[in-house]
């Protein structure tokens, strides 16, 4: 979604009305920009300039704040660099990427991790720019993170 799409913001606002919601995610992805749009395009939350290097916003929010906009309670949270995902099954991760779903049955191999396998429909779709490269890279990082978990996390998971 885009914070600059008025119809999308109106639809999101309607869906969130009467609820308490928190925007959580990586630094610089536009959480505060969406919050400002939900609040009627007021500059309530400070937003940073776009980084030339990463083509994303810069980390600006430094504490969580709850805002009330006519019955819509929104918590804008500081960005994070990393989120350890709870999955232990790498195949389950790909099904959580909505843009991957319609291609999952089209890969040469089943199951397919969509990383090194030949004949992978997801990788081909990324090459054709039908799936955004950043989303695919995020997926690859999540798969890689499964083997990089600290032993303490493995012992303490439920």
N, C-alpha and C. Protein backbone atom coordinates (compact mmCIF):
# COMPACT_ATOMS: atom_id res chain seq x y z
N UNK A 1 0.84 -1.18 0.00
CA UNK A 1 0.00 0.00 0.00
C UNK A 1 0.87 1.23 0.00
N UNK A 2 0.29 2.33 -0.31
CA UNK A 2 1.01 3.59 -0.32
C UNK A 2 0.28 4.59 0.57
N UNK A 3 1.05 5.32 1.33
CA UNK A 3 0.48 6.38 2.17
C UNK A 3 -0.08 7.51 1.31
N UNK A 4 0.27 7.53 0.03
CA UNK A 4 -0.17 8.60 -0.86
C UNK A 4 -1.37 8.19 -1.71
N UNK A 5 -1.91 7.01 -1.48
CA UNK A 5 -3.10 6.53 -2.18
C UNK A 5 -4.30 6.79 -1.28
N UNK A 6 -5.04 7.85 -1.57
CA UNK A 6 -6.14 8.26 -0.70
C UNK A 6 -7.20 7.18 -0.55
N UNK A 7 -7.51 6.46 -1.62
CA UNK A 7 -8.51 5.39 -1.54
C UNK A 7 -8.02 4.26 -0.64
N UNK A 8 -6.75 3.91 -0.77
CA UNK A 8 -6.17 2.86 0.07
C UNK A 8 -6.15 3.25 1.54
N UNK A 9 -5.80 4.48 1.82
CA UNK A 9 -5.79 4.98 3.20
C UNK A 9 -7.20 4.97 3.76
N UNK A 10 -8.18 5.40 2.97
CA UNK A 10 -9.58 5.39 3.43
C UNK A 10 -10.05 3.97 3.73
N UNK A 11 -9.68 3.02 2.88
CA UNK A 11 -10.06 1.62 3.10
C UNK A 11 -9.38 1.07 4.36
N UNK A 12 -8.10 1.40 4.55
CA UNK A 12 -7.38 0.94 5.74
C UNK A 12 -8.00 1.57 6.98
N UNK A 13 -8.28 2.85 6.94
CA UNK A 13 -8.88 3.55 8.08
C UNK A 13 -10.20 2.89 8.48
N UNK A 14 -11.03 2.58 7.48
CA UNK A 14 -12.32 1.95 7.76
C UNK A 14 -12.11 0.58 8.42
N UNK A 15 -11.14 -0.15 7.93
CA UNK A 15 -10.88 -1.49 8.48
C UNK A 15 -10.35 -1.42 9.92
N UNK A 16 -9.66 -0.37 10.25
CA UNK A 16 -9.05 -0.24 11.57
C UNK A 16 -9.92 0.48 12.59
N UNK A 17 -11.01 1.11 12.14
CA UNK A 17 -11.86 1.89 13.05
C UNK A 17 -12.32 1.06 14.25
N UNK A 18 -12.27 1.70 15.42
CA UNK A 18 -12.71 1.05 16.64
C UNK A 18 -11.70 0.08 17.22
N UNK A 19 -10.52 0.01 16.64
CA UNK A 19 -9.50 -0.93 17.11
C UNK A 19 -8.27 -0.16 17.57
N UNK A 20 -7.47 -0.83 18.35
CA UNK A 20 -6.16 -0.31 18.72
C UNK A 20 -5.16 -1.08 17.86
N UNK A 21 -4.40 -0.38 17.03
CA UNK A 21 -3.45 -1.03 16.13
C UNK A 21 -2.06 -0.45 16.32
N UNK A 22 -1.06 -1.28 16.09
CA UNK A 22 0.33 -0.84 16.16
C UNK A 22 0.99 -1.08 14.82
N UNK A 23 1.73 -0.10 14.37
CA UNK A 23 2.52 -0.26 13.16
C UNK A 23 3.92 -0.66 13.59
N UNK A 24 4.33 -1.84 13.17
CA UNK A 24 5.61 -2.42 13.56
C UNK A 24 6.32 -2.85 12.29
N UNK A 25 7.60 -2.59 12.19
CA UNK A 25 8.36 -3.03 11.03
C UNK A 25 9.74 -2.42 11.01
N UNK A 26 10.43 -2.64 9.92
CA UNK A 26 11.79 -2.15 9.77
C UNK A 26 11.83 -0.63 9.75
N UNK A 27 12.99 -0.11 10.09
CA UNK A 27 13.20 1.34 10.03
C UNK A 27 13.09 1.83 8.60
N UNK A 28 12.44 2.97 8.44
CA UNK A 28 12.44 3.64 7.16
C UNK A 28 11.49 3.10 6.11
N UNK A 29 10.54 2.24 6.49
CA UNK A 29 9.63 1.68 5.49
C UNK A 29 8.35 2.48 5.31
N UNK A 30 8.12 3.48 6.16
CA UNK A 30 6.96 4.35 5.97
C UNK A 30 5.86 4.22 7.00
N UNK A 31 6.16 3.63 8.15
CA UNK A 31 5.14 3.47 9.19
C UNK A 31 4.57 4.83 9.61
N UNK A 32 5.45 5.78 9.90
CA UNK A 32 4.99 7.10 10.36
C UNK A 32 4.29 7.86 9.24
N UNK A 33 4.69 7.66 8.01
CA UNK A 33 4.02 8.31 6.88
C UNK A 33 2.59 7.80 6.75
N UNK A 34 2.40 6.49 6.93
CA UNK A 34 1.04 5.92 6.89
C UNK A 34 0.23 6.44 8.07
N UNK A 35 0.83 6.51 9.25
CA UNK A 35 0.13 7.04 10.42
C UNK A 35 -0.32 8.47 10.16
N UNK A 36 0.56 9.31 9.62
CA UNK A 36 0.17 10.68 9.30
C UNK A 36 -0.99 10.72 8.31
N UNK A 37 -0.96 9.84 7.32
CA UNK A 37 -2.05 9.80 6.34
C UNK A 37 -3.36 9.37 7.01
N UNK A 38 -3.28 8.40 7.90
CA UNK A 38 -4.48 7.95 8.62
C UNK A 38 -5.05 9.07 9.50
N UNK A 39 -4.19 9.94 9.96
CA UNK A 39 -4.60 11.05 10.81
C UNK A 39 -5.01 12.27 9.99
N UNK A 40 -5.22 12.09 8.69
CA UNK A 40 -5.66 13.19 7.85
C UNK A 40 -4.54 14.00 7.26
N UNK A 41 -3.42 13.34 6.98
CA UNK A 41 -2.26 13.99 6.37
C UNK A 41 -1.69 15.12 7.22
N UNK A 42 -1.94 15.05 8.50
CA UNK A 42 -1.32 16.02 9.40
C UNK A 42 0.11 15.54 9.68
N UNK A 43 1.00 16.46 9.89
CA UNK A 43 2.38 16.11 10.18
C UNK A 43 2.54 15.88 11.68
N UNK A 44 1.82 14.89 12.19
CA UNK A 44 1.87 14.57 13.62
C UNK A 44 3.19 13.89 13.95
N UNK A 45 3.52 12.89 13.16
CA UNK A 45 4.76 12.15 13.38
C UNK A 45 5.84 12.69 12.44
N UNK A 46 7.00 12.93 13.00
CA UNK A 46 8.13 13.40 12.21
C UNK A 46 8.56 12.28 11.26
N UNK A 47 8.84 12.65 10.03
CA UNK A 47 9.35 11.67 9.06
C UNK A 47 10.66 12.19 8.49
N UNK A 48 11.53 11.26 8.11
CA UNK A 48 12.84 11.63 7.59
C UNK A 48 12.88 11.63 6.08
N UNK A 49 13.98 12.14 5.57
CA UNK A 49 14.19 12.14 4.13
C UNK A 49 14.47 10.73 3.63
N UNK A 50 14.35 10.53 2.34
CA UNK A 50 14.65 9.25 1.71
C UNK A 50 16.16 9.12 1.58
N UNK A 51 16.69 7.98 1.98
CA UNK A 51 18.12 7.70 1.85
C UNK A 51 18.45 7.39 0.39
N UNK A 52 19.44 8.08 -0.16
CA UNK A 52 19.85 7.80 -1.54
C UNK A 52 20.43 6.40 -1.67
N UNK A 53 21.13 5.95 -0.65
CA UNK A 53 21.79 4.64 -0.70
C UNK A 53 20.78 3.50 -0.71
N UNK A 54 19.77 3.56 0.17
CA UNK A 54 18.83 2.45 0.32
C UNK A 54 17.46 2.70 -0.32
N UNK A 55 17.23 3.94 -0.78
CA UNK A 55 15.95 4.33 -1.38
C UNK A 55 14.79 4.05 -0.43
N UNK A 56 15.03 4.26 0.86
CA UNK A 56 14.00 4.11 1.90
C UNK A 56 14.11 5.31 2.82
N UNK A 57 13.11 5.44 3.68
CA UNK A 57 13.17 6.51 4.67
C UNK A 57 14.27 6.26 5.68
N UNK A 58 14.57 7.28 6.44
CA UNK A 58 15.59 7.16 7.49
C UNK A 58 14.90 6.95 8.83
N UNK A 59 15.58 6.26 9.72
CA UNK A 59 15.04 6.01 11.06
C UNK A 59 14.78 7.35 11.74
N UNK A 60 13.53 7.59 12.14
CA UNK A 60 13.16 8.87 12.74
C UNK A 60 12.46 8.69 14.08
N UNK A 61 11.49 7.78 14.15
CA UNK A 61 10.72 7.57 15.38
C UNK A 61 11.62 6.90 16.41
N UNK A 62 11.69 7.50 17.62
CA UNK A 62 12.58 6.93 18.63
C UNK A 62 11.86 6.40 19.87
N UNK A 63 10.54 6.47 19.88
CA UNK A 63 9.77 5.87 20.96
C UNK A 63 8.35 5.60 20.45
N UNK A 64 7.69 4.64 21.06
CA UNK A 64 6.32 4.33 20.65
C UNK A 64 5.39 5.41 21.17
N UNK A 65 4.43 5.79 20.33
CA UNK A 65 3.47 6.80 20.73
C UNK A 65 2.08 6.37 20.25
N UNK A 66 1.08 6.54 21.13
CA UNK A 66 -0.29 6.20 20.77
C UNK A 66 -1.01 7.50 20.42
N UNK A 67 -1.67 7.47 19.27
CA UNK A 67 -2.37 8.65 18.77
C UNK A 67 -3.84 8.32 18.57
N UNK A 68 -4.70 9.29 18.85
CA UNK A 68 -6.14 9.10 18.69
C UNK A 68 -6.61 10.01 17.57
N UNK A 69 -7.26 9.40 16.59
CA UNK A 69 -7.80 10.17 15.48
C UNK A 69 -9.26 9.80 15.30
N UNK A 70 -10.11 10.44 16.07
CA UNK A 70 -11.55 10.22 15.97
C UNK A 70 -11.93 8.74 16.05
N UNK A 71 -11.50 8.11 17.12
CA UNK A 71 -11.89 6.72 17.35
C UNK A 71 -10.92 5.69 16.80
N UNK A 72 -9.91 6.12 16.08
CA UNK A 72 -8.89 5.22 15.58
C UNK A 72 -7.65 5.40 16.45
N UNK A 73 -7.32 4.36 17.22
CA UNK A 73 -6.14 4.43 18.08
C UNK A 73 -4.98 3.73 17.36
N UNK A 74 -3.92 4.49 17.12
CA UNK A 74 -2.78 4.00 16.37
C UNK A 74 -1.53 4.15 17.23
N UNK A 75 -0.74 3.09 17.29
CA UNK A 75 0.56 3.16 17.97
C UNK A 75 1.62 3.12 16.88
N UNK A 76 2.41 4.19 16.81
CA UNK A 76 3.53 4.25 15.87
C UNK A 76 4.77 3.84 16.67
N UNK A 77 5.46 2.81 16.22
CA UNK A 77 6.60 2.28 16.95
C UNK A 77 7.90 2.60 16.22
N UNK A 78 9.00 2.65 16.96
CA UNK A 78 10.29 2.83 16.29
C UNK A 78 10.58 1.62 15.40
N UNK A 79 11.31 1.87 14.36
CA UNK A 79 11.68 0.77 13.47
C UNK A 79 12.68 -0.16 14.11
N UNK A 80 12.75 -1.33 13.54
CA UNK A 80 13.72 -2.30 14.03
C UNK A 80 14.58 -2.76 12.87
N UNK A 81 15.76 -3.22 13.19
CA UNK A 81 16.65 -3.72 12.14
C UNK A 81 16.37 -5.16 11.81
N UNK A 82 15.99 -5.93 12.80
CA UNK A 82 15.90 -7.37 12.59
C UNK A 82 14.76 -7.94 13.41
N UNK A 83 14.09 -8.92 12.87
CA UNK A 83 13.02 -9.61 13.55
C UNK A 83 13.25 -11.10 13.40
N UNK A 84 13.37 -11.80 14.52
CA UNK A 84 13.57 -13.24 14.45
C UNK A 84 12.20 -13.89 14.26
N UNK A 85 12.05 -14.60 13.17
CA UNK A 85 10.77 -15.20 12.85
C UNK A 85 10.59 -16.53 13.58
N UNK A 86 9.36 -16.86 13.95
CA UNK A 86 9.13 -18.06 14.75
C UNK A 86 9.09 -19.36 13.95
N UNK A 87 9.06 -19.29 12.63
CA UNK A 87 8.95 -20.51 11.82
C UNK A 87 10.15 -21.42 11.99
N UNK A 88 9.90 -22.69 11.93
CA UNK A 88 10.98 -23.66 11.87
C UNK A 88 10.96 -24.38 10.53
N UNK A 89 9.86 -24.25 9.80
CA UNK A 89 9.70 -24.90 8.50
C UNK A 89 9.91 -23.87 7.39
N UNK A 90 11.01 -23.98 6.63
CA UNK A 90 11.26 -22.99 5.60
C UNK A 90 10.18 -22.96 4.51
N UNK A 91 9.53 -24.07 4.26
CA UNK A 91 8.48 -24.10 3.24
C UNK A 91 7.30 -23.23 3.68
N UNK A 92 7.02 -23.19 4.97
CA UNK A 92 5.90 -22.40 5.47
C UNK A 92 6.13 -20.90 5.26
N UNK A 93 7.37 -20.49 5.23
CA UNK A 93 7.67 -19.06 5.08
C UNK A 93 7.17 -18.53 3.74
N UNK A 94 7.40 -19.29 2.67
CA UNK A 94 6.99 -18.79 1.35
C UNK A 94 5.49 -18.61 1.23
N UNK A 95 4.72 -19.41 1.95
CA UNK A 95 3.26 -19.27 1.86
C UNK A 95 2.77 -18.01 2.59
N UNK A 96 3.64 -17.38 3.37
CA UNK A 96 3.28 -16.14 4.05
C UNK A 96 3.60 -14.90 3.22
N UNK A 97 4.10 -15.09 2.02
CA UNK A 97 4.33 -14.00 1.09
C UNK A 97 3.20 -14.04 0.06
N UNK A 98 2.19 -13.19 0.20
CA UNK A 98 1.02 -13.27 -0.68
C UNK A 98 1.37 -13.23 -2.17
N UNK A 99 2.41 -12.46 -2.52
CA UNK A 99 2.76 -12.35 -3.93
C UNK A 99 3.39 -13.62 -4.48
N UNK A 100 3.82 -14.55 -3.62
CA UNK A 100 4.39 -15.83 -4.05
C UNK A 100 3.30 -16.87 -4.31
N UNK A 101 2.19 -16.75 -3.61
CA UNK A 101 1.20 -17.84 -3.54
C UNK A 101 0.76 -18.38 -4.89
N UNK A 102 0.46 -17.53 -5.85
CA UNK A 102 -0.09 -18.04 -7.10
C UNK A 102 0.96 -18.76 -7.95
N UNK A 103 2.24 -18.68 -7.58
CA UNK A 103 3.30 -19.35 -8.33
C UNK A 103 3.82 -20.61 -7.64
N UNK A 104 3.39 -20.86 -6.41
CA UNK A 104 3.97 -21.96 -5.62
C UNK A 104 3.82 -23.33 -6.28
N UNK A 105 2.74 -23.58 -6.98
CA UNK A 105 2.55 -24.88 -7.62
C UNK A 105 3.21 -25.00 -8.98
N UNK A 106 3.83 -23.91 -9.46
CA UNK A 106 4.39 -23.91 -10.80
C UNK A 106 5.89 -24.20 -10.86
N UNK A 107 6.51 -24.45 -9.71
CA UNK A 107 7.94 -24.73 -9.68
C UNK A 107 8.22 -26.16 -10.14
N UNK A 108 9.41 -26.37 -10.69
CA UNK A 108 9.80 -27.69 -11.16
C UNK A 108 9.86 -28.69 -10.01
N UNK A 109 10.32 -28.23 -8.86
CA UNK A 109 10.43 -29.09 -7.69
C UNK A 109 9.36 -28.73 -6.67
N UNK A 110 8.85 -29.73 -6.00
CA UNK A 110 7.87 -29.53 -4.95
C UNK A 110 8.23 -30.43 -3.78
N UNK A 111 8.63 -29.89 -2.65
CA UNK A 111 8.65 -28.47 -2.31
C UNK A 111 9.84 -27.75 -2.93
N UNK A 112 9.70 -26.46 -3.06
CA UNK A 112 10.74 -25.60 -3.62
C UNK A 112 11.01 -24.48 -2.62
N UNK A 113 12.27 -24.24 -2.32
CA UNK A 113 12.62 -23.13 -1.41
C UNK A 113 12.75 -21.80 -2.15
N UNK A 114 12.75 -21.83 -3.47
CA UNK A 114 12.81 -20.61 -4.29
C UNK A 114 14.13 -19.88 -4.12
N UNK A 115 15.21 -20.64 -3.93
CA UNK A 115 16.51 -20.01 -3.76
C UNK A 115 17.51 -20.55 -4.78
N UNK A 116 17.80 -21.88 -4.73
CA UNK A 116 18.82 -22.46 -5.61
C UNK A 116 18.25 -23.41 -6.66
N UNK A 117 16.98 -23.73 -6.57
CA UNK A 117 16.41 -24.75 -7.44
C UNK A 117 16.21 -24.24 -8.87
N UNK A 118 16.54 -25.09 -9.85
CA UNK A 118 16.23 -24.71 -11.24
C UNK A 118 14.72 -24.82 -11.49
N UNK A 119 14.24 -24.08 -12.45
CA UNK A 119 12.83 -24.16 -12.81
C UNK A 119 11.90 -23.60 -11.75
N UNK A 120 12.38 -22.62 -10.99
CA UNK A 120 11.58 -22.04 -9.91
C UNK A 120 10.73 -20.90 -10.47
N UNK A 121 9.43 -21.03 -10.35
CA UNK A 121 8.51 -20.02 -10.87
C UNK A 121 8.62 -18.70 -10.11
N UNK A 122 8.89 -18.75 -8.82
CA UNK A 122 9.01 -17.53 -8.03
C UNK A 122 10.23 -16.74 -8.48
N UNK A 123 11.38 -17.41 -8.63
CA UNK A 123 12.59 -16.71 -9.08
C UNK A 123 12.40 -16.11 -10.47
N UNK A 124 11.74 -16.83 -11.37
CA UNK A 124 11.48 -16.32 -12.71
C UNK A 124 10.58 -15.08 -12.66
N UNK A 125 9.62 -15.10 -11.76
CA UNK A 125 8.71 -13.97 -11.62
C UNK A 125 9.45 -12.75 -11.08
N UNK A 126 10.39 -12.97 -10.17
CA UNK A 126 11.22 -11.87 -9.66
C UNK A 126 12.05 -11.28 -10.81
N UNK A 127 12.62 -12.15 -11.65
CA UNK A 127 13.42 -11.67 -12.79
C UNK A 127 12.58 -10.82 -13.75
N UNK A 128 11.30 -11.14 -13.89
CA UNK A 128 10.41 -10.38 -14.77
C UNK A 128 9.84 -9.14 -14.06
N UNK A 129 10.27 -8.91 -12.82
CA UNK A 129 9.85 -7.75 -12.02
C UNK A 129 8.36 -7.78 -11.68
N UNK A 130 7.78 -8.97 -11.65
CA UNK A 130 6.39 -9.11 -11.25
C UNK A 130 6.28 -9.29 -9.73
N UNK A 131 7.35 -9.70 -9.11
CA UNK A 131 7.49 -9.70 -7.65
C UNK A 131 8.66 -8.75 -7.36
N UNK A 132 8.46 -7.82 -6.46
CA UNK A 132 9.50 -6.83 -6.17
C UNK A 132 10.73 -7.51 -5.60
N UNK A 133 11.89 -7.11 -6.11
CA UNK A 133 13.17 -7.71 -5.69
C UNK A 133 13.39 -7.58 -4.18
N UNK A 134 13.02 -6.45 -3.59
CA UNK A 134 13.20 -6.26 -2.14
C UNK A 134 12.40 -7.30 -1.35
N UNK A 135 11.19 -7.61 -1.80
CA UNK A 135 10.37 -8.61 -1.11
C UNK A 135 11.04 -9.98 -1.21
N UNK A 136 11.56 -10.31 -2.38
CA UNK A 136 12.24 -11.60 -2.55
C UNK A 136 13.49 -11.66 -1.66
N UNK A 137 14.26 -10.58 -1.62
CA UNK A 137 15.47 -10.55 -0.78
C UNK A 137 15.10 -10.69 0.70
N UNK A 138 14.00 -10.10 1.11
CA UNK A 138 13.52 -10.26 2.48
C UNK A 138 13.23 -11.73 2.77
N UNK A 139 12.58 -12.39 1.82
CA UNK A 139 12.29 -13.82 1.95
C UNK A 139 13.59 -14.62 2.08
N UNK A 140 14.57 -14.34 1.24
CA UNK A 140 15.84 -15.08 1.28
C UNK A 140 16.52 -14.88 2.63
N UNK A 141 16.48 -13.65 3.15
CA UNK A 141 17.08 -13.39 4.47
C UNK A 141 16.37 -14.18 5.57
N UNK A 142 15.04 -14.29 5.47
CA UNK A 142 14.29 -15.06 6.47
C UNK A 142 14.69 -16.54 6.43
N UNK A 143 14.82 -17.08 5.24
CA UNK A 143 15.25 -18.48 5.11
C UNK A 143 16.64 -18.65 5.71
N UNK A 144 17.54 -17.74 5.40
CA UNK A 144 18.90 -17.81 5.93
C UNK A 144 18.91 -17.70 7.45
N UNK A 145 18.00 -16.92 8.00
CA UNK A 145 17.98 -16.70 9.46
C UNK A 145 17.65 -17.98 10.23
N UNK A 146 17.00 -18.92 9.57
CA UNK A 146 16.65 -20.16 10.26
C UNK A 146 17.88 -20.91 10.73
N UNK A 147 18.96 -20.82 9.97
CA UNK A 147 20.18 -21.53 10.37
C UNK A 147 21.09 -20.67 11.23
N UNK A 148 20.70 -19.43 11.48
CA UNK A 148 21.54 -18.51 12.24
C UNK A 148 20.98 -18.19 13.62
N UNK A 149 19.98 -18.95 14.04
CA UNK A 149 19.36 -18.67 15.34
C UNK A 149 20.30 -19.06 16.48
N UNK A 150 20.29 -18.27 17.54
CA UNK A 150 21.10 -18.64 18.71
C UNK A 150 20.54 -19.89 19.37
N UNK A 151 21.42 -20.69 19.95
CA UNK A 151 20.97 -21.91 20.63
C UNK A 151 19.96 -21.61 21.72
N UNK A 152 20.10 -20.47 22.39
CA UNK A 152 19.16 -20.14 23.48
C UNK A 152 17.75 -20.01 22.94
N UNK A 153 17.57 -19.48 21.73
CA UNK A 153 16.25 -19.35 21.16
C UNK A 153 15.68 -20.73 20.87
N UNK A 154 16.49 -21.62 20.35
CA UNK A 154 16.03 -22.98 20.05
C UNK A 154 15.60 -23.71 21.32
N UNK A 155 16.33 -23.51 22.41
CA UNK A 155 15.99 -24.17 23.68
C UNK A 155 14.71 -23.63 24.28
N UNK A 156 14.46 -22.32 24.09
CA UNK A 156 13.33 -21.67 24.76
C UNK A 156 12.06 -21.60 23.94
N UNK A 157 12.09 -22.05 22.69
CA UNK A 157 10.86 -21.97 21.89
C UNK A 157 9.84 -22.97 22.38
N UNK A 158 8.59 -22.67 22.11
CA UNK A 158 7.52 -23.53 22.60
C UNK A 158 7.08 -24.50 21.56
